[in-house]
Amino acid sequence: MSDDQVAPETKGVAAEVLATVDLGPEIEGMEQRQLRMRMFTFEPGAVFGPIHDHKGRPGTVYILQGTITDHRNGVATDYGPGVGWPEDRNTTHWLENRGTIPAVEISVDIVGQE
């Protein structure tokens, strides 16, 4: 069984919305959608799960501090400060902080307005 199939539930993760932009008035066809920027803090041992996808919710992630392990297709990849990854319609994953210090990322995505 791959590590993708045994992803635990979310624990030790805090999220803060930093900014949003209503895309409806900005781009034709984007009614009820918004551009959202959030900061996530992963305490040591934190998990962002379970497995989730990004269909209809594309985004990008940038790591500010620590190391976040991204689990996709049975492969665990570590990302440290100054790097990140795209999250598109083909992304199915879960995340964790295996390190000893908090990990901080900035996530920007397009979502339906709540």
Protein backbone atom coordinates (compact mmCIF):
# COMPACT_ATOMS: atom_id res chain seq x y z
CA MET A 1 0.00 0.00 0.00
CA SER A 2 1.45 3.41 -0.91
CA ASP A 3 1.77 6.23 1.61
CA ASP A 4 -0.91 8.11 -0.42
CA GLN A 5 -3.45 5.46 0.59
CA VAL A 6 -2.79 5.76 4.32
CA ALA A 7 -2.76 9.55 4.68
CA PRO A 8 -3.87 10.53 8.18
CA GLU A 9 -6.36 13.27 9.00
CA THR A 10 -5.28 16.90 9.36
CA LYS A 11 -3.58 17.83 12.62
CA GLY A 12 -1.20 20.59 13.73
CA VAL A 13 -1.91 22.91 10.79
CA ALA A 14 -3.05 26.53 11.12
CA ALA A 15 -4.32 28.54 8.14
CA GLU A 16 -4.66 32.30 7.83
CA VAL A 17 -6.34 34.05 4.88
CA LEU A 18 -4.04 36.91 3.85
CA ALA A 19 -5.97 38.31 0.88
CA THR A 20 -8.76 37.59 -1.58
CA VAL A 21 -9.84 39.13 -4.89
CA ASP A 22 -13.33 38.67 -6.35
CA LEU A 23 -12.55 37.54 -9.91
CA GLY A 24 -16.07 38.09 -11.33
CA PRO A 25 -15.63 41.83 -11.94
CA GLU A 26 -12.04 41.29 -13.09
CA ILE A 27 -12.32 38.48 -15.67
CA GLU A 28 -15.34 37.56 -17.77
CA GLY A 29 -16.51 34.03 -17.00
CA MET A 30 -15.04 33.99 -13.48
CA GLU A 31 -18.23 34.90 -11.63
CA GLN A 32 -18.46 33.33 -8.16
CA ARG A 33 -14.70 32.63 -8.15
CA GLN A 34 -11.99 34.29 -6.11
CA LEU A 35 -8.23 34.43 -6.01
CA ARG A 36 -7.16 33.53 -2.47
CA MET A 37 -3.80 33.79 -0.70
CA ARG A 38 -3.29 31.92 2.58
CA MET A 39 -0.43 31.24 4.96
CA PHE A 40 -0.22 27.75 6.47
CA THR A 41 1.89 26.89 9.50
CA PHE A 42 2.69 23.20 9.99
CA GLU A 43 3.92 22.37 13.48
CA PRO A 44 6.48 19.53 13.73
CA GLY A 45 4.58 16.29 13.07
CA ALA A 46 1.69 18.15 11.41
CA VAL A 47 -0.35 16.58 8.62
CA PHE A 48 -2.58 18.21 6.00
CA GLY A 49 -4.81 15.37 4.89
CA PRO A 50 -6.53 13.28 4.07
CA ILE A 51 -5.70 12.81 0.41
CA HIS A 52 -7.25 15.66 -1.56
CA ASP A 53 -7.28 16.92 -5.13
CA HIS A 54 -7.27 20.30 -6.83
CA LYS A 55 -9.91 19.78 -9.52
CA GLY A 56 -11.54 23.18 -10.01
CA ARG A 57 -9.12 24.71 -7.49
CA PRO A 58 -5.74 25.31 -9.18
CA GLY A 59 -3.00 26.92 -7.18
CA THR A 60 0.65 27.30 -6.32
CA VAL A 61 2.60 26.88 -3.08
CA TYR A 62 5.82 28.57 -1.91
CA ILE A 63 7.76 27.46 1.18
CA LEU A 64 8.99 30.23 3.51
CA GLN A 65 10.42 28.16 6.38
CA GLY A 66 11.07 24.56 7.31
CA THR A 67 10.42 21.55 5.12
CA ILE A 68 7.10 20.21 3.87
CA THR A 69 6.82 16.69 2.49
CA ASP A 70 4.37 16.37 -0.42
CA HIS A 71 3.00 12.84 -0.94
CA ARG A 72 1.84 12.13 -4.53
CA ASN A 73 1.47 8.84 -6.40
CA GLY A 74 3.30 6.93 -3.68
CA VAL A 75 6.30 9.31 -3.81
CA ALA A 76 7.29 11.61 -0.92
CA THR A 77 9.10 14.79 -1.99
CA ASP A 78 10.61 17.29 0.46
CA TYR A 79 10.39 21.01 -0.27
CA GLY A 80 12.36 23.58 1.72
CA PRO A 81 12.48 27.37 1.79
CA GLY A 82 12.56 29.15 -1.53
CA VAL A 83 10.87 26.42 -3.56
CA GLY A 84 7.33 25.26 -4.13
CA TRP A 85 5.05 23.42 -6.49
CA PRO A 86 1.98 23.85 -8.71
CA GLU A 87 -1.36 22.26 -7.79
CA ASP A 88 -3.43 21.60 -10.92
CA ARG A 89 -6.39 19.38 -11.87
CA ASN A 90 -4.06 16.35 -11.91
CA THR A 91 -2.79 16.91 -8.35
CA THR A 92 -3.91 14.40 -5.71
CA HIS A 93 -1.81 14.53 -2.56
CA TRP A 94 -1.38 15.06 1.16
CA LEU A 95 1.27 17.01 3.09
CA GLU A 96 3.24 16.72 6.32
CA ASN A 97 6.03 18.31 8.33
CA ARG A 98 8.55 15.62 9.30
CA GLY A 99 10.98 18.23 10.64
CA THR A 100 11.71 19.61 14.10
CA ILE A 101 10.74 23.25 13.41
CA PRO A 102 7.47 24.74 12.17
CA ALA A 103 7.13 24.84 8.38
CA VAL A 104 5.42 27.83 6.77
CA GLU A 105 4.02 28.03 3.25
CA ILE A 106 2.13 30.57 1.19
CA SER A 107 -0.66 29.05 -0.91
CA VAL A 108 -2.43 30.93 -3.71
CA ASP A 109 -5.43 29.36 -5.41
CA ILE A 110 -8.65 30.04 -7.29
CA VAL A 111 -11.77 28.87 -5.45
CA GLY A 112 -15.53 29.21 -5.52
CA GLN A 113 -16.69 32.06 -3.30
CA GLU A 114 -18.07 30.99 0.04
